Amino acid sequence: MTVHTPSLAGKIDIAARLRAHAEEIPSPDHPGFGEAFERFGDARVVLLGEATHGTHEFYAARADISRNLVERHGFTIIAVEGDWPDIARLDDYVRHNGPRPRRGEPFARFPTWMWRNQEMLTFIDWLRNHNAGLPEDRRVSLRGLDVYSLGESIHAVTDYLDRHDPQAARRARQRYGCLTPWQDEPQHYGHAAERGQLADCEDAVVAQLRELLDHRMEWIAQDGEDFFDAERNARIVRAAEQYYRSIYRGAAESWNLRDRHMFETLQSLMAHQADARAIIWAHNSHVGNASATAMGWRGEFNIGELVRTAYGDDAVLIGFGTDRGTVAAASDWGGAMDVMQLRPARDDSWEAAFRRIGLTRCMVDWRRGAQRDLAEALGQTLLERAVGVVYRPQSEYLSHYFEAVLGQQFDAYVWFEESRAVTPIGPEKPHGAPDIWPFGL
């Protein structure tokens, strides 16, 4: 696909056209923020993005939009870009169930602040209170979509089998024994397996999943929800084994495997509950339709593209952006969290076009068919910024920007001109935070 960057005059024209259609919105900390998103209540799946993993406004906005969709439109699932076993601990809490046995604490691995933050705590407390007055089978669930929990998922499967069939649990431990030496550093397993230094464990994990499924009718009859959790964890072990081998074959293959797993998890959640309607929280790079970005042009797809293909107009893809402020991030993978200054966006970016609108906060919605002038503006190619858990301002262009056609990537876009970092909850003091920063629960 041939792309071009508009001239300065063209970019100013984009801002003018955006300004004509932009709707000013209140702060996401305002109780009425979510009301502006009533229009999306007819969807089956609403995907809510974020331009960073460490911005308060993105978490607060998604929380209030979700409250509105749950309370007024009957959405039943909130699925997030987090590991299934860790999020399951929060799901136990919000649905008033007993704690599941788990090895270690949830969100103990890097990056802890992505879900261990005050914004998330406030939301799950609300969700628990909302569920308190509902019958058990109508309570809103909180689920994790990601694939990284190899060790935790192995533990969850064997723990389930210990309670239902001790002999099957022994067989599971034998099969998973191929992976358990690597469960804390699974990337080392992938490296060794791909280079022929040891036999891969694929056959063993597939055999374990197959045996579990062979007993599904019997065990679903005993406790369908408990079996559903065990089955998802067995599928995660299989997907994680594939994922950690794939990361040594190329970025596109590992990315696609991860997002396909997220989509398959969503589909299983939708099938698990009658009249299910889902809200997804994930990064813009997962939520937006990848086929309209440089990701898709190099062979990657994502959950947003798969949901769009499966659900069509019953899915809504909403992106979020910011120009400047502070962000919680690390300088390197596995490094300490800092509260870092987010640089103002490049002049040749979509963020700069929204900055030139001149509104502190706004939303532009083109879901039902934009007017011709807006459609033309949004059909151009500009850079878009993506900050994950790592932020490298010194190499921002190479590390954090990619090309995108915004009008095909999303159905709507939410803009915060200036934003601030999330408030982490944890034992360590975040670097760069003031002395009065609230560290603990």
Protein backbone atom coordinates (compact mmCIF):
# COMPACT_ATOMS: atom_id res chain seq x y z
CA MET A 1 0.00 0.00 0.00
CA THR A 2 1.34 3.44 -0.93
CA VAL A 3 1.07 6.02 1.82
CA HIS A 4 1.71 9.73 1.81
CA THR A 5 2.00 12.41 4.44
CA PRO A 6 -0.14 15.48 3.79
CA SER A 7 1.42 18.91 3.41
CA LEU A 8 1.26 21.39 6.25
CA ALA A 9 -1.75 23.01 4.56
CA GLY A 10 -3.38 19.60 4.35
CA LYS A 11 -2.80 18.95 8.03
CA ILE A 12 -4.30 22.31 9.00
CA ASP A 13 -7.31 21.37 6.87
CA ILE A 14 -7.63 18.10 8.81
CA ALA A 15 -7.73 20.05 12.09
CA ALA A 16 -10.37 22.42 10.74
CA ARG A 17 -12.56 19.55 9.63
CA LEU A 18 -12.10 17.74 12.95
CA ARG A 19 -13.00 20.94 14.79
CA ALA A 20 -16.29 21.15 12.90
CA HIS A 21 -17.31 17.70 14.15
CA ALA A 22 -15.65 17.57 17.58
CA GLU A 23 -17.91 17.27 20.64
CA GLU A 24 -16.56 18.80 23.82
CA ILE A 25 -16.71 16.37 26.75
CA PRO A 26 -16.21 16.77 30.52
CA SER A 27 -13.30 15.41 32.55
CA PRO A 28 -13.36 11.61 32.87
CA ASP A 29 -13.36 12.18 36.65
CA HIS A 30 -16.74 13.91 36.30
CA PRO A 31 -19.66 11.57 37.15
CA GLY A 32 -21.44 12.41 33.88
CA PHE A 33 -18.54 11.65 31.54
CA GLY A 34 -19.94 8.31 30.35
CA GLU A 35 -23.23 9.82 29.19
CA ALA A 36 -21.62 11.02 25.95
CA PHE A 37 -21.11 7.35 25.03
CA GLU A 38 -24.79 6.36 25.31
CA ARG A 39 -24.87 6.20 21.51
CA PHE A 40 -22.72 3.04 21.55
CA GLY A 41 -25.10 1.13 23.81
CA ASP A 42 -26.62 -0.81 20.92
CA ALA A 43 -23.37 -2.66 20.13
CA ARG A 44 -22.53 -6.22 21.17
CA VAL A 45 -18.83 -5.51 21.62
CA VAL A 46 -17.31 -2.12 22.51
CA LEU A 47 -13.52 -1.88 22.37
CA LEU A 48 -11.96 0.93 24.43
CA GLY A 49 -8.34 1.74 23.66
CA GLU A 50 -5.51 3.71 25.22
CA ALA A 51 -2.45 5.37 23.72
CA THR A 52 -0.29 4.41 26.73
CA HIS A 53 -0.44 1.81 29.50
CA GLY A 54 0.12 4.43 32.19
CA THR A 55 -2.28 7.38 31.77
CA HIS A 56 -4.93 8.25 34.36
CA GLU A 57 -7.41 9.74 31.88
CA PHE A 58 -7.56 6.58 29.77
CA TYR A 59 -8.33 4.34 32.77
CA ALA A 60 -10.82 6.80 34.28
CA ALA A 61 -12.59 7.26 30.93
CA ARG A 62 -12.88 3.54 30.25
CA ALA A 63 -14.18 3.00 33.77
CA ASP A 64 -16.96 5.58 33.46
CA ILE A 65 -17.91 4.49 29.94
CA SER A 66 -18.09 0.90 31.21
CA ARG A 67 -20.24 1.90 34.19
CA ASN A 68 -22.67 3.56 31.81
CA LEU A 69 -22.81 0.61 29.41
CA VAL A 70 -23.25 -1.88 32.25
CA GLU A 71 -25.91 0.05 34.17
CA ARG A 72 -27.96 1.41 31.26
CA HIS A 73 -27.38 -1.07 28.45
CA GLY A 74 -26.85 -4.44 30.11
CA PHE A 75 -23.27 -5.24 29.15
CA THR A 76 -22.19 -8.40 30.95
CA ILE A 77 -18.43 -8.87 30.37
CA ILE A 78 -15.43 -6.62 30.82
CA ALA A 79 -12.35 -8.22 29.24
CA VAL A 80 -8.94 -6.59 29.60
CA GLU A 81 -5.43 -6.87 28.24
CA GLY A 82 -4.26 -8.81 31.30
CA ASP A 83 -3.47 -12.39 32.26
CA TRP A 84 -6.45 -14.68 32.89
CA PRO A 85 -5.30 -16.01 36.32
CA ASP A 86 -4.44 -12.55 37.68
CA ILE A 87 -7.70 -11.00 36.48
CA ALA A 88 -9.54 -14.07 37.83
CA ARG A 89 -8.57 -12.96 41.34
CA LEU A 90 -10.33 -9.66 40.69
CA ASP A 91 -13.27 -11.49 39.08
CA ASP A 92 -13.69 -13.51 42.28
CA TYR A 93 -13.85 -10.25 44.19
CA VAL A 94 -16.29 -8.41 41.94
CA ARG A 95 -18.65 -11.40 41.61
CA HIS A 96 -18.61 -12.21 45.35
CA ASN A 97 -17.03 -15.66 44.92
CA GLY A 98 -14.48 -17.37 47.14
CA PRO A 99 -10.78 -16.89 46.32
CA ARG A 100 -9.19 -19.35 43.94
CA PRO A 101 -5.88 -20.84 45.08
CA ARG A 102 -3.07 -19.23 43.12
CA ARG A 103 0.70 -19.27 43.32
CA GLY A 104 1.86 -15.83 44.42
CA GLU A 105 -0.01 -12.56 44.20
CA PRO A 106 -1.78 -11.12 41.17
CA PHE A 107 0.18 -8.65 39.04
CA ALA A 108 3.45 -9.46 40.81
CA ARG A 109 5.37 -9.47 37.53
CA PHE A 110 6.46 -6.49 35.49
CA PRO A 111 4.63 -4.21 34.74
CA THR A 112 2.81 -4.17 38.07
CA TRP A 113 1.37 -0.67 37.64
CA MET A 114 -0.62 -1.57 34.53
CA TRP A 115 -3.39 -3.11 36.67
CA ARG A 116 -2.20 -2.46 40.24
CA ASN A 117 -3.29 1.17 40.23
CA GLN A 118 -5.78 3.32 42.09
CA GLU A 119 -7.90 3.87 38.99
CA MET A 120 -8.46 0.13 38.57
CA LEU A 121 -9.11 -0.35 42.30
CA THR A 122 -11.83 2.31 42.24
CA PHE A 123 -13.49 0.61 39.29
CA ILE A 124 -13.47 -2.91 40.71
CA ASP A 125 -14.91 -1.63 43.99
CA TRP A 126 -17.75 -0.09 41.99
CA LEU A 127 -18.23 -3.31 40.00
CA ARG A 128 -18.42 -5.39 43.18
CA ASN A 129 -21.06 -3.04 44.59
CA HIS A 130 -23.01 -3.15 41.33
CA ASN A 131 -23.00 -6.96 41.35
CA ALA A 132 -24.09 -7.19 44.99
CA GLY A 133 -27.75 -6.73 44.17
CA LEU A 134 -27.83 -9.08 41.18
CA PRO A 135 -28.50 -12.83 40.97
CA GLU A 136 -25.29 -14.83 40.67
CA ASP A 137 -25.88 -15.73 37.00
CA ARG A 138 -26.40 -12.06 36.04
CA ARG A 139 -23.32 -10.58 37.67
CA VAL A 140 -20.88 -8.78 35.39
CA SER A 141 -17.64 -10.71 34.97
CA LEU A 142 -14.11 -9.34 34.69
CA ARG A 143 -11.81 -11.43 32.48
CA GLY A 144 -8.23 -11.45 31.24
CA LEU A 145 -7.45 -11.96 27.56
CA ASP A 146 -3.68 -12.31 27.49
CA VAL A 147 -1.32 -15.22 26.98
CA TYR A 148 1.65 -14.64 29.29
CA SER A 149 0.58 -16.63 32.39
CA LEU A 150 2.35 -19.92 31.66
CA GLY A 151 3.26 -20.81 35.26
CA GLU A 152 0.04 -19.54 36.83
CA SER A 153 -2.09 -21.37 34.27
CA ILE A 154 -0.21 -24.66 34.79
CA HIS A 155 -0.85 -24.30 38.51
CA ALA A 156 -4.55 -23.56 37.93
CA VAL A 157 -5.05 -26.68 35.78
CA THR A 158 -3.29 -29.04 38.18
CA ASP A 159 -5.08 -27.53 41.16
CA TYR A 160 -8.45 -28.09 39.46
CA LEU A 161 -7.55 -31.71 38.68
CA ASP A 162 -6.34 -32.31 42.24
CA ARG A 163 -9.90 -31.56 43.36
CA HIS A 164 -11.65 -33.59 40.64
CA ASP A 165 -9.38 -36.44 39.60
CA PRO A 166 -6.03 -36.89 41.43
CA GLN A 167 -4.81 -39.47 38.89
CA ALA A 168 -5.49 -37.02 36.06
CA ALA A 169 -3.62 -34.39 38.07
CA ARG A 170 -0.55 -36.66 38.21
CA ARG A 171 -0.69 -37.14 34.44
CA ALA A 172 -1.00 -33.38 33.98
CA ARG A 173 2.09 -32.77 36.12
CA GLN A 174 4.02 -35.29 34.05
CA ARG A 175 3.01 -33.60 30.80
CA TYR A 176 3.59 -30.09 32.10
CA GLY A 177 6.90 -31.24 33.56
CA CYS A 178 8.37 -30.45 30.15
CA LEU A 179 7.55 -26.77 30.75
CA THR A 180 7.75 -26.28 34.51
CA PRO A 181 11.55 -25.74 34.59
CA TRP A 182 10.94 -22.78 32.28
CA GLN A 183 7.75 -21.33 33.73
CA ASP A 184 9.45 -18.34 35.38
CA GLU A 185 11.54 -17.52 32.27
CA PRO A 186 9.49 -19.01 29.41
CA GLN A 187 11.35 -17.02 26.76
CA HIS A 188 14.41 -19.21 27.52
CA TYR A 189 12.32 -22.28 26.69
CA GLY A 190 11.34 -20.76 23.37
CA HIS A 191 14.96 -19.93 22.56
CA ALA A 192 16.18 -23.45 23.35
CA ALA A 193 13.30 -25.20 21.57
CA GLU A 194 13.61 -23.12 18.41
CA ARG A 195 17.35 -23.81 18.20
CA GLY A 196 16.94 -27.54 18.62
CA GLN A 197 18.58 -27.63 22.04
CA LEU A 198 15.58 -29.54 23.45
CA ALA A 199 12.39 -31.10 22.15
CA ASP A 200 9.44 -28.73 22.21
CA CYS A 201 6.53 -29.43 24.55
CA GLU A 202 3.69 -28.91 22.09
CA ASP A 203 2.50 -32.52 21.96
CA ALA A 204 2.38 -32.74 25.75
CA VAL A 205 0.30 -29.61 26.28
CA VAL A 206 -2.07 -30.54 23.44
CA ALA A 207 -2.55 -34.01 24.97
CA GLN A 208 -3.36 -32.43 28.32
CA LEU A 209 -5.94 -30.09 26.82
CA ARG A 210 -7.50 -32.99 24.91
CA GLU A 211 -7.82 -35.11 28.07
CA LEU A 212 -9.44 -32.23 29.92
CA LEU A 213 -11.95 -31.74 27.10
CA ASP A 214 -12.70 -35.48 27.03
CA HIS A 215 -14.19 -35.09 30.54
CA ARG A 216 -15.94 -31.79 29.96
CA MET A 217 -19.52 -33.07 30.14
CA GLU A 218 -18.87 -34.86 33.43
CA TRP A 219 -17.01 -31.96 35.05
CA ILE A 220 -19.27 -29.20 33.69
CA ALA A 221 -22.16 -30.99 35.43
CA GLN A 222 -20.25 -30.74 38.72
CA ASP A 223 -19.27 -27.08 38.43
CA GLY A 224 -19.47 -25.45 35.03
CA GLU A 225 -17.76 -22.21 36.03
CA ASP A 226 -14.85 -24.04 37.68
CA PHE A 227 -14.37 -26.21 34.60
CA PHE A 228 -14.56 -23.17 32.31
CA ASP A 229 -11.69 -21.59 34.25
CA ALA A 230 -9.61 -24.78 34.06
CA GLU A 231 -10.25 -25.18 30.34
CA ARG A 232 -9.24 -21.57 29.62
CA ASN A 233 -6.04 -22.07 31.59
CA ALA A 234 -5.24 -25.27 29.68
CA ARG A 235 -5.73 -23.36 26.43
CA ILE A 236 -3.47 -20.59 27.74
CA VAL A 237 -0.71 -23.13 28.45
CA ARG A 238 -1.02 -24.37 24.88
CA ALA A 239 -1.03 -20.83 23.45
CA ALA A 240 1.83 -19.70 25.68
CA GLU A 241 3.98 -22.64 24.59
CA GLN A 242 3.37 -21.64 20.97
CA TYR A 243 3.89 -17.96 21.70
CA TYR A 244 7.26 -18.32 23.42
CA ARG A 245 8.55 -20.40 20.51
CA SER A 246 7.15 -17.97 17.96
CA ILE A 247 8.94 -14.89 19.33
CA TYR A 248 12.15 -16.25 17.79
CA ARG A 249 10.56 -16.57 14.36
CA GLY A 250 9.55 -12.96 13.89
CA ALA A 251 7.46 -10.15 15.37
CA ALA A 252 4.45 -10.67 13.10
CA GLU A 253 3.99 -14.35 13.97
CA SER A 254 4.17 -13.81 17.74
CA TRP A 255 1.93 -10.72 17.59
CA ASN A 256 -0.69 -12.55 15.53
CA LEU A 257 -0.66 -15.59 17.80
CA ARG A 258 -1.22 -13.39 20.85
CA ASP A 259 -4.09 -11.39 19.33
CA ARG A 260 -5.70 -14.51 17.89
CA HIS A 261 -5.67 -15.97 21.40
CA MET A 262 -7.29 -12.78 22.75
CA PHE A 263 -10.02 -13.02 20.13
CA GLU A 264 -10.62 -16.72 20.76
CA THR A 265 -10.89 -16.00 24.49
CA LEU A 266 -13.46 -13.29 23.76
CA GLN A 267 -15.44 -15.70 21.59
CA SER A 268 -15.44 -18.33 24.32
CA LEU A 269 -16.70 -15.73 26.80
CA MET A 270 -19.49 -14.68 24.46
CA ALA A 271 -20.54 -18.31 24.01
CA HIS A 272 -20.31 -19.06 27.75
CA GLN A 273 -23.13 -16.68 28.70
CA ALA A 274 -26.55 -16.14 27.19
CA ASP A 275 -27.07 -12.70 25.62
CA ALA A 276 -23.47 -11.75 26.36
CA ARG A 277 -22.28 -8.23 25.54
CA ALA A 278 -18.64 -7.33 26.06
CA ILE A 279 -16.45 -4.31 26.73
CA ILE A 280 -12.74 -4.69 25.96
CA TRP A 281 -9.97 -2.60 27.51
CA ALA A 282 -6.71 -2.80 25.59
CA HIS A 283 -4.08 -0.64 23.92
CA ASN A 284 -4.99 1.23 20.73
CA SER A 285 -2.61 -1.07 18.87
CA HIS A 286 -4.88 -4.01 19.77
CA VAL A 287 -8.24 -2.24 19.64
CA GLY A 288 -7.96 -0.32 16.35
CA ASN A 289 -8.37 -2.20 13.08
CA ALA A 290 -4.79 -3.21 12.21
CA SER A 291 -5.55 -3.36 8.49
CA ALA A 292 -5.67 0.46 8.50
CA THR A 293 -2.18 0.80 10.01
CA ALA A 294 1.44 0.03 9.24
CA MET A 295 1.01 -3.06 11.44
CA GLY A 296 -1.45 -4.56 9.00
CA TRP A 297 0.57 -3.46 5.98
CA ARG A 298 3.44 -5.62 7.25
CA GLY A 299 1.29 -8.68 7.91
CA GLU A 300 0.03 -8.24 11.48
CA PHE A 301 -3.61 -8.40 12.57
CA ASN A 302 -5.18 -7.71 15.95
CA ILE A 303 -8.25 -8.28 18.05
CA GLY A 304 -9.88 -5.12 16.69
CA GLU A 305 -9.62 -6.37 13.11
CA LEU A 306 -10.89 -9.83 14.07
CA VAL A 307 -13.82 -8.38 16.03
CA ARG A 308 -14.69 -6.06 13.16
CA THR A 309 -14.72 -9.03 10.75
CA ALA A 310 -16.81 -11.20 13.10
CA TYR A 311 -19.30 -8.61 14.40
CA GLY A 312 -19.42 -5.94 11.69
CA ASP A 313 -21.51 -2.95 12.75
CA ASP A 314 -22.29 -4.66 16.09
CA ALA A 315 -18.74 -3.77 17.16
CA VAL A 316 -17.50 -0.29 18.07
CA LEU A 317 -13.77 0.51 18.07
CA ILE A 318 -12.88 3.63 20.09
CA GLY A 319 -9.36 5.06 20.18
CA PHE A 320 -7.89 7.40 22.80
CA GLY A 321 -5.12 9.94 22.48
CA THR A 322 -3.19 12.65 24.32
CA ASP A 323 -0.62 15.28 23.46
CA ARG A 324 1.47 15.80 26.57
CA GLY A 325 1.67 15.45 30.35
CA THR A 326 3.06 12.68 32.53
CA VAL A 327 2.93 8.92 32.08
CA ALA A 328 3.82 5.89 34.21
CA ALA A 329 6.36 3.84 32.27
CA ALA A 330 9.79 2.23 32.40
CA SER A 331 12.86 3.09 30.33
CA ASP A 332 13.51 -0.60 29.58
CA TRP A 333 11.59 -3.85 29.81
CA GLY A 334 11.77 -5.08 33.39
CA GLY A 335 13.01 -1.73 34.66
CA ALA A 336 11.71 0.43 37.48
CA MET A 337 8.62 2.51 36.88
CA ASP A 338 9.11 6.24 36.50
CA VAL A 339 6.62 9.06 36.30
CA MET A 340 7.93 10.45 33.03
CA GLN A 341 7.22 13.56 30.98
CA LEU A 342 5.30 12.71 27.80
CA ARG A 343 6.66 14.86 25.01
CA PRO A 344 4.26 16.93 22.88
CA ALA A 345 3.26 14.97 19.80
CA ARG A 346 5.03 15.39 16.46
CA ASP A 347 3.56 17.93 14.06
CA ASP A 348 2.97 15.24 11.41
CA SER A 349 0.79 13.09 13.68
CA TRP A 350 -2.91 12.57 14.30
CA GLU A 351 -2.29 13.78 17.85
CA ALA A 352 -1.04 17.11 16.46
CA ALA A 353 -4.17 17.41 14.30
CA PHE A 354 -6.33 17.00 17.40
CA ARG A 355 -4.13 19.42 19.34
CA ARG A 356 -4.85 22.06 16.70
CA ILE A 357 -8.59 21.68 17.30
CA GLY A 358 -8.07 23.81 20.41
CA LEU A 359 -10.24 21.80 22.82
CA THR A 360 -8.96 20.42 26.11
CA ARG A 361 -11.14 17.31 25.77
CA CYS A 362 -13.33 16.15 22.92
CA MET A 363 -14.72 13.18 21.02
CA VAL A 364 -15.15 12.78 17.28
CA ASP A 365 -17.61 10.05 16.25
CA TRP A 366 -17.92 8.85 12.67
CA ARG A 367 -19.54 5.47 13.36
CA ARG A 368 -22.78 6.10 11.47
CA GLY A 369 -21.08 7.48 8.40
CA ALA A 370 -19.10 10.69 8.51
CA GLN A 371 -19.93 13.67 6.39
CA ARG A 372 -17.86 13.83 3.23
CA ASP A 373 -15.44 16.49 4.48
CA LEU A 374 -14.66 14.56 7.65
CA ALA A 375 -14.39 11.23 5.84
CA GLU A 376 -11.89 12.76 3.42
CA ALA A 377 -9.79 14.14 6.27
CA LEU A 378 -9.82 10.90 8.26
CA GLY A 379 -8.92 8.91 5.14
CA GLN A 380 -5.42 10.38 5.01
CA THR A 381 -2.30 8.76 6.43
CA LEU A 382 -0.56 10.34 9.41
CA LEU A 383 1.68 9.14 12.18
CA GLU A 384 0.13 7.87 15.42
CA ARG A 385 1.89 7.47 18.77
CA ALA A 386 1.84 4.25 20.79
CA VAL A 387 3.46 4.11 24.24
CA GLY A 388 3.35 0.78 26.04
CA VAL A 389 4.91 -0.02 29.40
CA VAL A 390 8.26 1.23 28.03
CA TYR A 391 8.72 4.85 26.98
CA ARG A 392 11.88 6.08 25.28
CA PRO A 393 11.51 9.80 24.55
CA GLN A 394 15.08 10.02 23.25
CA SER A 395 14.13 7.73 20.33
CA GLU A 396 10.42 8.52 20.26
CA TYR A 397 9.99 8.62 16.47
CA LEU A 398 11.54 5.19 15.92
CA SER A 399 10.20 3.61 19.12
CA HIS A 400 6.65 4.92 19.35
CA TYR A 401 5.24 6.14 16.04
CA PHE A 402 3.58 4.25 13.20
CA GLU A 403 1.46 5.26 10.20
CA ALA A 404 -2.33 4.95 10.37
CA VAL A 405 -5.52 5.91 8.55
CA LEU A 406 -7.57 6.97 11.56
CA GLY A 407 -10.98 6.85 9.88
CA GLN A 408 -10.56 3.17 9.04
CA GLN A 409 -8.77 2.26 12.25
CA PHE A 410 -11.49 3.42 14.67
CA ASP A 411 -15.17 4.37 14.77
CA ALA A 412 -14.59 7.24 17.20
CA TYR A 413 -11.67 8.94 18.95
CA VAL A 414 -11.44 10.48 22.42
CA TRP A 415 -8.94 13.28 22.95
CA PHE A 416 -7.26 14.62 26.11
CA GLU A 417 -4.89 17.46 25.33
CA GLU A 418 -2.97 17.05 28.60
CA SER A 419 -2.94 13.96 30.79
CA ARG A 420 -1.26 12.58 33.90
CA ALA A 421 0.17 9.30 35.11
CA VAL A 422 -1.84 6.58 36.81
CA THR A 423 -1.47 6.20 40.57
CA PRO A 424 0.29 2.86 41.19
CA ILE A 425 -0.52 0.65 44.16
CA GLY A 426 2.34 -1.47 45.41
CA PRO A 427 5.22 -1.92 47.79
CA GLU A 428 7.71 0.21 45.91
CA LYS A 429 7.81 3.95 45.64
CA PRO A 430 7.59 5.00 42.00
CA HIS A 431 10.61 6.94 40.79
CA GLY A 432 9.82 10.55 39.96
CA ALA A 433 6.75 10.68 42.23
CA PRO A 434 6.39 13.38 44.88
CA ASP A 435 6.88 12.46 48.53
CA ILE A 436 3.14 12.67 49.17
CA TRP A 437 2.36 10.06 46.47
CA PRO A 438 -0.06 7.43 47.90
CA PHE A 439 1.91 4.19 47.60
CA GLY A 440 -0.25 1.71 49.44
CA LEU A 441 -3.78 0.37 49.59
